[in-house]
Amino acid sequence: MVDIEEVKSSFRKFRNDFWEDITDINLERRETGLEEVKTKMVESEYFKVVQDFAKERGWNIESGDLKISAKKGEETVEIDLVSCTDESTLFVKPWSKVLERLKKLEELTED
């Protein structure tokens, strides 16, 4: 079963893997297109591990443009791993914000 430490490790790897692409996009020195970077992000191990974390706790997953929606009954928990404020700015959400959402999933699973 995926635990929070595994997600944290995946977060760190993701941040290290994408910092250069994000910096280039944010400074408009694009060698790689925004959509290409977003696609690689969504296909990354980090996104998969977060989805597995939720699925293993009984949540149904819907993925949208850099966002994961976990649904169970009437409850929905939105997990933003990366924010895209416009066509030239990407930010990896801080670990503390992701951790809040993961803990929310666990709390609602226990109820």
PDB file of N, CA and C in Angstrom:
ATOM      1  N   MET A   1       0.843  -1.182   0.000  1.00  0.00           N
ATOM      2  CA  MET A   1       0.000   0.000   0.000  1.00  0.00           C
ATOM      3  C   MET A   1       0.892   1.251   0.000  1.00  0.00           C
ATOM      4  N   VAL A   2       0.535   2.220  -0.809  1.00  0.00           N
ATOM      5  CA  VAL A   2       1.287   3.470  -0.899  1.00  0.00           C
ATOM      6  C   VAL A   2       1.083   4.259   0.393  1.00  0.00           C
ATOM      7  N   ASP A   3       2.190   4.707   0.989  1.00  0.00           N
ATOM      8  CA  ASP A   3       2.071   5.531   2.193  1.00  0.00           C
ATOM      9  C   ASP A   3       2.553   6.950   1.907  1.00  0.00           C
ATOM     10  N   ILE A   4       2.363   7.822   2.871  1.00  0.00           N
ATOM     11  CA  ILE A   4       2.699   9.235   2.696  1.00  0.00           C
ATOM     12  C   ILE A   4       4.188   9.423   2.417  1.00  0.00           C
ATOM     13  N   GLU A   5       5.046   8.635   3.038  1.00  0.00           N
ATOM     14  CA  GLU A   5       6.489   8.766   2.792  1.00  0.00           C
ATOM     15  C   GLU A   5       6.844   8.452   1.340  1.00  0.00           C
ATOM     16  N   GLU A   6       6.153   7.483   0.758  1.00  0.00           N
ATOM     17  CA  GLU A   6       6.394   7.156  -0.651  1.00  0.00           C
ATOM     18  C   GLU A   6       5.958   8.315  -1.551  1.00  0.00           C
ATOM     19  N   VAL A   7       4.838   8.938  -1.213  1.00  0.00           N
ATOM     20  CA  VAL A   7       4.381  10.098  -1.981  1.00  0.00           C
ATOM     21  C   VAL A   7       5.383  11.240  -1.837  1.00  0.00           C
ATOM     22  N   LYS A   8       5.891  11.438  -0.617  1.00  0.00           N
ATOM     23  CA  LYS A   8       6.864  12.510  -0.376  1.00  0.00           C
ATOM     24  C   LYS A   8       8.132  12.289  -1.202  1.00  0.00           C
ATOM     25  N   SER A   9       8.602  11.074  -1.243  1.00  0.00           N
ATOM     26  CA  SER A   9       9.785  10.740  -2.036  1.00  0.00           C
ATOM     27  C   SER A   9       9.531  11.011  -3.522  1.00  0.00           C
ATOM     28  N   SER A  10       8.364  10.636  -3.982  1.00  0.00           N
ATOM     29  CA  SER A  10       7.987  10.867  -5.373  1.00  0.00           C
ATOM     30  C   SER A  10       7.875  12.364  -5.667  1.00  0.00           C
ATOM     31  N   PHE A  11       7.362  13.130  -4.701  1.00  0.00           N
ATOM     32  CA  PHE A  11       7.271  14.589  -4.827  1.00  0.00           C
ATOM     33  C   PHE A  11       8.660  15.195  -5.027  1.00  0.00           C
ATOM     34  N   ARG A  12       9.597  14.768  -4.212  1.00  0.00           N
ATOM     35  CA  ARG A  12      10.963  15.312  -4.309  1.00  0.00           C
ATOM     36  C   ARG A  12      11.595  15.007  -5.667  1.00  0.00           C
ATOM     37  N   LYS A  13      11.402  13.790  -6.133  1.00  0.00           N
ATOM     38  CA  LYS A  13      11.938  13.413  -7.443  1.00  0.00           C
ATOM     39  C   LYS A  13      11.273  14.241  -8.537  1.00  0.00           C
ATOM     40  N   PHE A  14       9.968  14.403  -8.457  1.00  0.00           N
ATOM     41  CA  PHE A  14       9.216  15.195  -9.434  1.00  0.00           C
ATOM     42  C   PHE A  14       9.736  16.631  -9.477  1.00  0.00           C
ATOM     43  N   ARG A  15       9.877  17.215  -8.312  1.00  0.00           N
ATOM     44  CA  ARG A  15      10.359  18.600  -8.221  1.00  0.00           C
ATOM     45  C   ARG A  15      11.751  18.719  -8.845  1.00  0.00           C
ATOM     46  N   ASN A  16      12.624  17.762  -8.568  1.00  0.00           N
ATOM     47  CA  ASN A  16      13.971  17.773  -9.146  1.00  0.00           C
ATOM     48  C   ASN A  16      13.956  17.544 -10.657  1.00  0.00           C
ATOM     49  N   ASP A  17      13.063  16.675 -11.111  1.00  0.00           N
ATOM     50  CA  ASP A  17      12.993  16.367 -12.540  1.00  0.00           C
ATOM     51  C   ASP A  17      12.463  17.535 -13.370  1.00  0.00           C
ATOM     52  N   PHE A  18      11.565  18.331 -12.786  1.00  0.00           N
ATOM     53  CA  PHE A  18      10.874  19.355 -13.572  1.00  0.00           C
ATOM     54  C   PHE A  18      11.294  20.790 -13.279  1.00  0.00           C
ATOM     55  N   TRP A  19      12.189  21.018 -12.337  1.00  0.00           N
ATOM     56  CA  TRP A  19      12.509  22.401 -11.978  1.00  0.00           C
ATOM     57  C   TRP A  19      13.042  23.197 -13.166  1.00  0.00           C
ATOM     58  N   GLU A  20      13.826  22.554 -14.013  1.00  0.00           N
ATOM     59  CA  GLU A  20      14.410  23.267 -15.152  1.00  0.00           C
ATOM     60  C   GLU A  20      13.339  23.650 -16.178  1.00  0.00           C
ATOM     61  N   ASP A  21      12.441  22.711 -16.482  1.00  0.00           N
ATOM     62  CA  ASP A  21      11.345  23.009 -17.413  1.00  0.00           C
ATOM     63  C   ASP A  21      10.464  24.130 -16.876  1.00  0.00           C
ATOM     64  N   ILE A  22      10.149  24.064 -15.588  1.00  0.00           N
ATOM     65  CA  ILE A  22       9.294  25.088 -14.981  1.00  0.00           C
ATOM     66  C   ILE A  22       9.973  26.451 -15.025  1.00  0.00           C
ATOM     67  N   THR A  23      11.240  26.489 -14.697  1.00  0.00           N
ATOM     68  CA  THR A  23      11.981  27.754 -14.739  1.00  0.00           C
ATOM     69  C   THR A  23      11.996  28.323 -16.154  1.00  0.00           C
ATOM     70  N   ASP A  24      12.261  27.479 -17.137  1.00  0.00           N
ATOM     71  CA  ASP A  24      12.278  27.945 -18.529  1.00  0.00           C
ATOM     72  C   ASP A  24      10.923  28.500 -18.955  1.00  0.00           C
ATOM     73  N   ILE A  25       9.857  27.811 -18.583  1.00  0.00           N
ATOM     74  CA  ILE A  25       8.516  28.286 -18.937  1.00  0.00           C
ATOM     75  C   ILE A  25       8.219  29.605 -18.235  1.00  0.00           C
ATOM     76  N   ASN A  26       8.508  29.674 -16.942  1.00  0.00           N
ATOM     77  CA  ASN A  26       8.206  30.885 -16.179  1.00  0.00           C
ATOM     78  C   ASN A  26       9.025  32.087 -16.638  1.00  0.00           C
ATOM     79  N   LEU A  27      10.230  31.840 -17.128  1.00  0.00           N
ATOM     80  CA  LEU A  27      11.072  32.938 -17.619  1.00  0.00           C
ATOM     81  C   LEU A  27      10.939  33.125 -19.136  1.00  0.00           C
ATOM     82  N   GLU A  28       9.999  32.369 -19.701  1.00  0.00           N
ATOM     83  CA  GLU A  28       9.706  32.442 -21.134  1.00  0.00           C
ATOM     84  C   GLU A  28      10.913  32.130 -22.006  1.00  0.00           C
ATOM     85  N   ARG A  29      11.732  31.198 -21.527  1.00  0.00           N
ATOM     86  CA  ARG A  29      12.863  30.695 -22.324  1.00  0.00           C
ATOM     87  C   ARG A  29      12.533  29.281 -22.777  1.00  0.00           C
ATOM     88  N   ARG A  30      11.403  29.112 -23.360  1.00  0.00           N
ATOM     89  CA  ARG A  30      10.875  27.790 -23.669  1.00  0.00           C
ATOM     90  C   ARG A  30      11.623  27.077 -24.779  1.00  0.00           C
ATOM     91  N   GLU A  31      12.195  25.972 -24.418  1.00  0.00           N
ATOM     92  CA  GLU A  31      12.680  25.042 -25.434  1.00  0.00           C
ATOM     93  C   GLU A  31      11.631  23.945 -25.586  1.00  0.00           C
ATOM     94  N   THR A  32      10.938  23.705 -24.501  1.00  0.00           N
ATOM     95  CA  THR A  32       9.881  22.717 -24.467  1.00  0.00           C
ATOM     96  C   THR A  32       8.567  23.463 -24.309  1.00  0.00           C
ATOM     97  N   GLY A  33       7.552  23.061 -25.056  1.00  0.00           N
ATOM     98  CA  GLY A  33       6.257  23.719 -24.979  1.00  0.00           C
ATOM     99  C   GLY A  33       5.538  23.416 -23.676  1.00  0.00           C
ATOM    100  N   LEU A  34       4.683  24.329 -23.254  1.00  0.00           N
ATOM    101  CA  LEU A  34       3.921  24.185 -22.017  1.00  0.00           C
ATOM    102  C   LEU A  34       3.097  22.900 -22.019  1.00  0.00           C
ATOM    103  N   GLU A  35       2.394  22.638 -23.102  1.00  0.00           N
ATOM    104  CA  GLU A  35       1.539  21.445 -23.160  1.00  0.00           C
ATOM    105  C   GLU A  35       2.365  20.166 -23.070  1.00  0.00           C
ATOM    106  N   GLU A  36       3.537  20.168 -23.671  1.00  0.00           N
ATOM    107  CA  GLU A  36       4.418  18.998 -23.608  1.00  0.00           C
ATOM    108  C   GLU A  36       4.879  18.751 -22.169  1.00  0.00           C
ATOM    109  N   VAL A  37       5.234  19.813 -21.468  1.00  0.00           N
ATOM    110  CA  VAL A  37       5.662  19.686 -20.066  1.00  0.00           C
ATOM    111  C   VAL A  37       4.493  19.212 -19.209  1.00  0.00           C
ATOM    112  N   LYS A  38       3.317  19.781 -19.409  1.00  0.00           N
ATOM    113  CA  LYS A  38       2.143  19.376 -18.632  1.00  0.00           C
ATOM    114  C   LYS A  38       1.825  17.901 -18.860  1.00  0.00           C
ATOM    115  N   THR A  39       1.936  17.448 -20.101  1.00  0.00           N
ATOM    116  CA  THR A  39       1.685  16.037 -20.412  1.00  0.00           C
ATOM    117  C   THR A  39       2.686  15.142 -19.687  1.00  0.00           C
ATOM    118  N   LYS A  40       3.966  15.512 -19.719  1.00  0.00           N
ATOM    119  CA  LYS A  40       4.983  14.720 -19.013  1.00  0.00           C
ATOM    120  C   LYS A  40       4.710  14.706 -17.511  1.00  0.00           C
ATOM    121  N   MET A  41       4.242  15.821 -16.975  1.00  0.00           N
ATOM    122  CA  MET A  41       3.939  15.888 -15.545  1.00  0.00           C
ATOM    123  C   MET A  41       2.811  14.924 -15.183  1.00  0.00           C
ATOM    124  N   VAL A  42       1.737  14.964 -15.949  1.00  0.00           N
ATOM    125  CA  VAL A  42       0.577  14.111 -15.673  1.00  0.00           C
ATOM    126  C   VAL A  42       0.940  12.634 -15.805  1.00  0.00           C
ATOM    127  N   GLU A  43       1.890  12.320 -16.666  1.00  0.00           N
ATOM    128  CA  GLU A  43       2.326  10.934 -16.861  1.00  0.00           C
ATOM    129  C   GLU A  43       3.430  10.524 -15.890  1.00  0.00           C
ATOM    130  N   SER A  44       3.849  11.432 -15.024  1.00  0.00           N
ATOM    131  CA  SER A  44       4.965  11.163 -14.111  1.00  0.00           C
ATOM    132  C   SER A  44       4.587  10.188 -12.997  1.00  0.00           C
ATOM    133  N   GLU A  45       5.621   9.651 -12.376  1.00  0.00           N
ATOM    134  CA  GLU A  45       5.448   8.742 -11.245  1.00  0.00           C
ATOM    135  C   GLU A  45       4.719   9.432 -10.091  1.00  0.00           C
ATOM    136  N   TYR A  46       4.989  10.691  -9.870  1.00  0.00           N
ATOM    137  CA  TYR A  46       4.354  11.459  -8.787  1.00  0.00           C
ATOM    138  C   TYR A  46       2.833  11.451  -8.930  1.00  0.00           C
ATOM    139  N   PHE A  47       2.328  11.775 -10.106  1.00  0.00           N
ATOM    140  CA  PHE A  47       0.887  11.778 -10.319  1.00  0.00           C
ATOM    141  C   PHE A  47       0.322  10.372 -10.126  1.00  0.00           C
ATOM    142  N   LYS A  48       1.041   9.359 -10.619  1.00  0.00           N
ATOM    143  CA  LYS A  48       0.574   7.976 -10.483  1.00  0.00           C
ATOM    144  C   LYS A  48       0.540   7.545  -9.021  1.00  0.00           C
ATOM    145  N   VAL A  49       1.558   7.906  -8.255  1.00  0.00           N
ATOM    146  CA  VAL A  49       1.623   7.514  -6.839  1.00  0.00           C
ATOM    147  C   VAL A  49       0.486   8.171  -6.054  1.00  0.00           C
ATOM    148  N   VAL A  50       0.205   9.440  -6.322  1.00  0.00           N
ATOM    149  CA  VAL A  50      -0.899  10.120  -5.625  1.00  0.00           C
ATOM    150  C   VAL A  50      -2.227   9.452  -5.982  1.00  0.00           C
ATOM    151  N   GLN A  51      -2.415   9.121  -7.245  1.00  0.00           N
ATOM    152  CA  GLN A  51      -3.641   8.431  -7.652  1.00  0.00           C
ATOM    153  C   GLN A  51      -3.750   7.066  -6.981  1.00  0.00           C
ATOM    154  N   ASP A  52      -2.650   6.317  -6.938  1.00  0.00           N
ATOM    155  CA  ASP A  52      -2.655   5.010  -6.273  1.00  0.00           C
ATOM    156  C   ASP A  52      -2.970   5.154  -4.788  1.00  0.00           C
ATOM    157  N   PHE A  53      -2.410   6.171  -4.150  1.00  0.00           N
ATOM    158  CA  PHE A  53      -2.671   6.442  -2.732  1.00  0.00           C
ATOM    159  C   PHE A  53      -4.179   6.568  -2.504  1.00  0.00           C
ATOM    160  N   ALA A  54      -4.843   7.338  -3.349  1.00  0.00           N
ATOM    161  CA  ALA A  54      -6.287   7.544  -3.207  1.00  0.00           C
ATOM    162  C   ALA A  54      -7.073   6.275  -3.547  1.00  0.00           C
ATOM    163  N   LYS A  55      -6.715   5.619  -4.638  1.00  0.00           N
ATOM    164  CA  LYS A  55      -7.429   4.409  -5.060  1.00  0.00           C
ATOM    165  C   LYS A  55      -7.365   3.321  -3.994  1.00  0.00           C
ATOM    166  N   GLU A  56      -6.202   3.155  -3.380  1.00  0.00           N
ATOM    167  CA  GLU A  56      -6.036   2.121  -2.360  1.00  0.00           C
ATOM    168  C   GLU A  56      -6.882   2.399  -1.124  1.00  0.00           C
ATOM    169  N   ARG A  57      -7.353   3.613  -0.980  1.00  0.00           N
ATOM    170  CA  ARG A  57      -8.211   3.983   0.141  1.00  0.00           C
ATOM    171  C   ARG A  57      -9.678   4.062  -0.278  1.00  0.00           C
ATOM    172  N   GLY A  58      -9.976   3.530  -1.467  1.00  0.00           N
ATOM    173  CA  GLY A  58     -11.353   3.412  -1.920  1.00  0.00           C
ATOM    174  C   GLY A  58     -11.922   4.611  -2.663  1.00  0.00           C
ATOM    175  N   TRP A  59     -11.077   5.523  -3.094  1.00  0.00           N
ATOM    176  CA  TRP A  59     -11.537   6.715  -3.803  1.00  0.00           C
ATOM    177  C   TRP A  59     -11.516   6.473  -5.306  1.00  0.00           C
ATOM    178  N   ASN A  60     -12.502   7.033  -5.998  1.00  0.00           N
ATOM    179  CA  ASN A  60     -12.517   7.030  -7.460  1.00  0.00           C
ATOM    180  C   ASN A  60     -11.761   8.262  -7.931  1.00  0.00           C
ATOM    181  N   ILE A  61     -10.982   8.109  -8.974  1.00  0.00           N
ATOM    182  CA  ILE A  61     -10.093   9.174  -9.434  1.00  0.00           C
ATOM    183  C   ILE A  61     -10.540   9.713 -10.785  1.00  0.00           C
ATOM    184  N   GLU A  62     -10.527  11.027 -10.881  1.00  0.00           N
ATOM    185  CA  GLU A  62     -10.704  11.714 -12.161  1.00  0.00           C
ATOM    186  C   GLU A  62      -9.532  12.668 -12.299  1.00  0.00           C
ATOM    187  N   SER A  63      -8.859  12.597 -13.427  1.00  0.00           N
ATOM    188  CA  SER A  63      -7.721  13.486 -13.657  1.00  0.00           C
ATOM    189  C   SER A  63      -8.110  14.541 -14.671  1.00  0.00           C
ATOM    190  N   GLY A  64      -7.744  15.756 -14.350  1.00  0.00           N
ATOM    191  CA  GLY A  64      -7.945  16.868 -15.270  1.00  0.00           C
ATOM    192  C   GLY A  64      -6.652  17.635 -15.336  1.00  0.00           C
ATOM    193  N   ASP A  65      -6.571  18.569 -16.171  1.00  0.00           N
ATOM    194  CA  ASP A  65      -5.390  19.386 -16.424  1.00  0.00           C
ATOM    195  C   ASP A  65      -4.617  19.711 -15.140  1.00  0.00           C
ATOM    196  N   LEU A  66      -3.660  18.866 -14.770  1.00  0.00           N
ATOM    197  CA  LEU A  66      -2.778  19.017 -13.598  1.00  0.00           C
ATOM    198  C   LEU A  66      -3.503  18.910 -12.264  1.00  0.00           C
ATOM    199  N   LYS A  67      -4.729  18.406 -12.265  1.00  0.00           N
ATOM    200  CA  LYS A  67      -5.501  18.286 -11.030  1.00  0.00           C
ATOM    201  C   LYS A  67      -6.050  16.866 -10.923  1.00  0.00           C
ATOM    202  N   ILE A  68      -6.078  16.358  -9.710  1.00  0.00           N
ATOM    203  CA  ILE A  68      -6.660  15.047  -9.447  1.00  0.00           C
ATOM    204  C   ILE A  68      -7.873  15.263  -8.555  1.00  0.00           C
ATOM    205  N   SER A  69      -9.008  14.697  -8.955  1.00  0.00           N
ATOM    206  CA  SER A  69     -10.211  14.745  -8.134  1.00  0.00           C
ATOM    207  C   SER A  69     -10.459  13.347  -7.598  1.00  0.00           C
ATOM    208  N   ALA A  70     -10.523  13.246  -6.282  1.00  0.00           N
ATOM    209  CA  ALA A  70     -10.821  11.969  -5.637  1.00  0.00           C
ATOM    210  C   ALA A  70     -12.259  12.046  -5.144  1.00  0.00           C
ATOM    211  N   LYS A  71     -13.077  11.063  -5.542  1.00  0.00           N
ATOM    212  CA  LYS A  71     -14.492  11.076  -5.178  1.00  0.00           C
ATOM    213  C   LYS A  71     -14.867   9.773  -4.495  1.00  0.00           C
ATOM    214  N   LYS A  72     -15.678   9.932  -3.460  1.00  0.00           N
ATOM    215  CA  LYS A  72     -16.205   8.773  -2.743  1.00  0.00           C
ATOM    216  C   LYS A  72     -17.561   9.194  -2.209  1.00  0.00           C
ATOM    217  N   GLY A  73     -18.614   8.590  -2.749  1.00  0.00           N
ATOM    218  CA  GLY A  73     -19.959   8.986  -2.339  1.00  0.00           C
ATOM    219  C   GLY A  73     -20.189  10.459  -2.644  1.00  0.00           C
ATOM    220  N   GLU A  74     -20.590  11.212  -1.628  1.00  0.00           N
ATOM    221  CA  GLU A  74     -20.836  12.648  -1.787  1.00  0.00           C
ATOM    222  C   GLU A  74     -19.578  13.491  -1.609  1.00  0.00           C
ATOM    223  N   GLU A  75     -18.504  12.884  -1.147  1.00  0.00           N
ATOM    224  CA  GLU A  75     -17.264  13.622  -0.861  1.00  0.00           C
ATOM    225  C   GLU A  75     -16.383  13.733  -2.102  1.00  0.00           C
ATOM    226  N   THR A  76     -15.802  14.901  -2.280  1.00  0.00           N
ATOM    227  CA  THR A  76     -14.814  15.133  -3.337  1.00  0.00           C
ATOM    228  C   THR A  76     -13.642  15.885  -2.734  1.00  0.00           C
ATOM    229  N   VAL A  77     -12.450  15.400  -2.998  1.00  0.00           N
ATOM    230  CA  VAL A  77     -11.234  16.070  -2.544  1.00  0.00           C
ATOM    231  C   VAL A  77     -10.414  16.406  -3.788  1.00  0.00           C
ATOM    232  N   GLU A  78     -10.184  17.699  -3.979  1.00  0.00           N
ATOM    233  CA  GLU A  78      -9.377  18.172  -5.108  1.00  0.00           C
ATOM    234  C   GLU A  78      -7.913  18.215  -4.681  1.00  0.00           C
ATOM    235  N   ILE A  79      -7.056  17.628  -5.488  1.00  0.00           N
ATOM    236  CA  ILE A  79      -5.625  17.618  -5.192  1.00  0.00           C
ATOM    237  C   ILE A  79      -4.898  18.284  -6.356  1.00  0.00           C
ATOM    238  N   ASP A  80      -4.445  19.499  -6.119  1.00  0.00           N
ATOM    239  CA  ASP A  80      -3.670  20.235  -7.119  1.00  0.00           C
ATOM    240  C   ASP A  80      -2.195  19.982  -6.843  1.00  0.00           C
ATOM    241  N   LEU A  81      -1.537  19.290  -7.741  1.00  0.00           N
ATOM    242  CA  LEU A  81      -0.116  19.010  -7.562  1.00  0.00           C
ATOM    243  C   LEU A  81       0.750  20.084  -8.208  1.00  0.00           C
ATOM    244  N   VAL A  82       0.221  20.683  -9.248  1.00  0.00           N
ATOM    245  CA  VAL A  82       0.904  21.755  -9.976  1.00  0.00           C
ATOM    246  C   VAL A  82      -0.158  22.776 -10.350  1.00  0.00           C
ATOM    247  N   SER A  83       0.164  24.056 -10.220  1.00  0.00           N
ATOM    248  CA  SER A  83      -0.784  25.067 -10.680  1.00  0.00           C
ATOM    249  C   SER A  83      -0.217  25.774 -11.897  1.00  0.00           C
ATOM    250  N   CYS A  84      -1.114  26.096 -12.788  1.00  0.00           N
ATOM    251  CA  CYS A  84      -0.769  26.807 -14.016  1.00  0.00           C
ATOM    252  C   CYS A  84      -1.630  28.061 -14.019  1.00  0.00           C
ATOM    253  N   THR A  85      -1.028  29.202 -13.685  1.00  0.00           N
ATOM    254  CA  THR A  85      -1.812  30.421 -13.527  1.00  0.00           C
ATOM    255  C   THR A  85      -2.177  31.073 -14.851  1.00  0.00           C
ATOM    256  N   ASP A  86      -1.383  30.886 -15.846  1.00  0.00           N
ATOM    257  CA  ASP A  86      -1.692  31.353 -17.196  1.00  0.00           C
ATOM    258  C   ASP A  86      -0.828  30.542 -18.151  1.00  0.00           C
ATOM    259  N   GLU A  87      -0.734  30.965 -19.361  1.00  0.00           N
ATOM    260  CA  GLU A  87       0.027  30.187 -20.341  1.00  0.00           C
ATOM    261  C   GLU A  87       1.539  30.296 -20.185  1.00  0.00           C
ATOM    262  N   SER A  88       1.996  31.006 -19.156  1.00  0.00           N
ATOM    263  CA  SER A  88       3.450  31.143 -19.017  1.00  0.00           C
ATOM    264  C   SER A  88       3.950  30.968 -17.590  1.00  0.00           C
ATOM    265  N   THR A  89       3.109  30.432 -16.695  1.00  0.00           N
ATOM    266  CA  THR A  89       3.541  30.309 -15.309  1.00  0.00           C
ATOM    267  C   THR A  89       3.085  28.979 -14.711  1.00  0.00           C
ATOM    268  N   LEU A  90       4.045  28.173 -14.269  1.00  0.00           N
ATOM    269  CA  LEU A  90       3.773  26.902 -13.592  1.00  0.00           C
ATOM    270  C   LEU A  90       4.402  26.927 -12.208  1.00  0.00           C
ATOM    271  N   PHE A  91       3.717  26.339 -11.242  1.00  0.00           N
ATOM    272  CA  PHE A  91       4.254  26.207  -9.889  1.00  0.00           C
ATOM    273  C   PHE A  91       3.955  24.813  -9.360  1.00  0.00           C
ATOM    274  N   VAL A  92       4.959  24.162  -8.791  1.00  0.00           N
ATOM    275  CA  VAL A  92       4.737  22.899  -8.088  1.00  0.00           C
ATOM    276  C   VAL A  92       4.196  23.269  -6.713  1.00  0.00           C
ATOM    277  N   LYS A  93       3.055  22.685  -6.358  1.00  0.00           N
ATOM    278  CA  LYS A  93       2.469  22.974  -5.047  1.00  0.00           C
ATOM    279  C   LYS A  93       3.426  22.518  -3.954  1.00  0.00           C
ATOM    280  N   PRO A  94       3.559  23.299  -2.895  1.00  0.00           N
ATOM    281  CA  PRO A  94       4.447  22.907  -1.796  1.00  0.00           C
ATOM    282  C   PRO A  94       3.995  21.583  -1.166  1.00  0.00           C
ATOM    283  N   TRP A  95       4.959  20.840  -0.656  1.00  0.00           N
ATOM    284  CA  TRP A  95       4.662  19.557  -0.032  1.00  0.00           C
ATOM    285  C   TRP A  95       3.623  19.711   1.077  1.00  0.00           C
ATOM    286  N   SER A  96       3.690  20.762   1.860  1.00  0.00           N
ATOM    287  CA  SER A  96       2.750  20.948   2.975  1.00  0.00           C
ATOM    288  C   SER A  96       1.303  20.997   2.480  1.00  0.00           C
ATOM    289  N   LYS A  97       1.057  21.599   1.327  1.00  0.00           N
ATOM    290  CA  LYS A  97      -0.307  21.680   0.766  1.00  0.00           C
ATOM    291  C   LYS A  97      -0.766  20.316   0.261  1.00  0.00           C
ATOM    292  N   VAL A  98       0.132  19.588  -0.379  1.00  0.00           N
ATOM    293  CA  VAL A  98      -0.213  18.247  -0.856  1.00  0.00           C
ATOM    294  C   VAL A  98      -0.488  17.340   0.339  1.00  0.00           C
ATOM    295  N   LEU A  99       0.345  17.437   1.364  1.00  0.00           N
ATOM    296  CA  LEU A  99       0.172  16.624   2.566  1.00  0.00           C
ATOM    297  C   LEU A  99      -1.189  16.874   3.209  1.00  0.00           C
ATOM    298  N   GLU A 100      -1.636  18.120   3.252  1.00  0.00           N
ATOM    299  CA  GLU A 100      -2.968  18.449   3.789  1.00  0.00           C
ATOM    300  C   GLU A 100      -4.050  17.670   3.061  1.00  0.00           C
ATOM    301  N   ARG A 101      -3.974  17.631   1.734  1.00  0.00           N
ATOM    302  CA  ARG A 101      -4.990  16.949   0.931  1.00  0.00           C
ATOM    303  C   ARG A 101      -4.926  15.433   1.138  1.00  0.00           C
ATOM    304  N   LEU A 102      -3.717  14.883   1.246  1.00  0.00           N
ATOM    305  CA  LEU A 102      -3.580  13.442   1.480  1.00  0.00           C
ATOM    306  C   LEU A 102      -4.150  13.063   2.841  1.00  0.00           C
ATOM    307  N   LYS A 103      -3.882  13.881   3.847  1.00  0.00           N
ATOM    308  CA  LYS A 103      -4.427  13.617   5.187  1.00  0.00           C
ATOM    309  C   LYS A 103      -5.947  13.727   5.181  1.00  0.00           C
ATOM    310  N   LYS A 104      -6.478  14.649   4.388  1.00  0.00           N
ATOM    311  CA  LYS A 104      -7.932  14.794   4.259  1.00  0.00           C
ATOM    312  C   LYS A 104      -8.520  13.510   3.675  1.00  0.00           C
ATOM    313  N   LEU A 105      -7.864  12.943   2.664  1.00  0.00           N
ATOM    314  CA  LEU A 105      -8.318  11.668   2.095  1.00  0.00           C
ATOM    315  C   LEU A 105      -8.345  10.580   3.158  1.00  0.00           C
ATOM    316  N   GLU A 106      -7.280  10.509   3.955  1.00  0.00           N
ATOM    317  CA  GLU A 106      -7.215   9.487   5.001  1.00  0.00           C
ATOM    318  C   GLU A 106      -8.290   9.699   6.055  1.00  0.00           C
ATOM    319  N   GLU A 107      -8.511  10.942   6.477  1.00  0.00           N
ATOM    320  CA  GLU A 107      -9.536  11.241   7.483  1.00  0.00           C
ATOM    321  C   GLU A 107     -10.916  10.827   6.991  1.00  0.00           C
ATOM    322  N   LEU A 108     -11.236  11.177   5.755  1.00  0.00           N
ATOM    323  CA  LEU A 108     -12.549  10.851   5.206  1.00  0.00           C
ATOM    324  C   LEU A 108     -12.694   9.357   4.948  1.00  0.00           C
ATOM    325  N   THR A 109     -11.585   8.655   4.745  1.00  0.00           N
ATOM    326  CA  THR A 109     -11.622   7.208   4.558  1.00  0.00           C
ATOM    327  C   THR A 109     -11.987   6.521   5.867  1.00  0.00           C
ATOM    328  N   GLU A 110     -11.500   7.073   6.976  1.00  0.00           N
ATOM    329  CA  GLU A 110     -11.733   6.474   8.290  1.00  0.00           C
ATOM    330  C   GLU A 110     -13.160   6.662   8.779  1.00  0.00           C
ATOM    331  N   ASP A 111     -13.843   7.708   8.286  1.00  0.00           N
ATOM    332  CA  ASP A 111     -15.216   7.990   8.759  1.00  0.00           C
ATOM    333  C   ASP A 111     -16.208   6.960   8.303  1.00  0.00           C
TER     334      ASP A 111
END
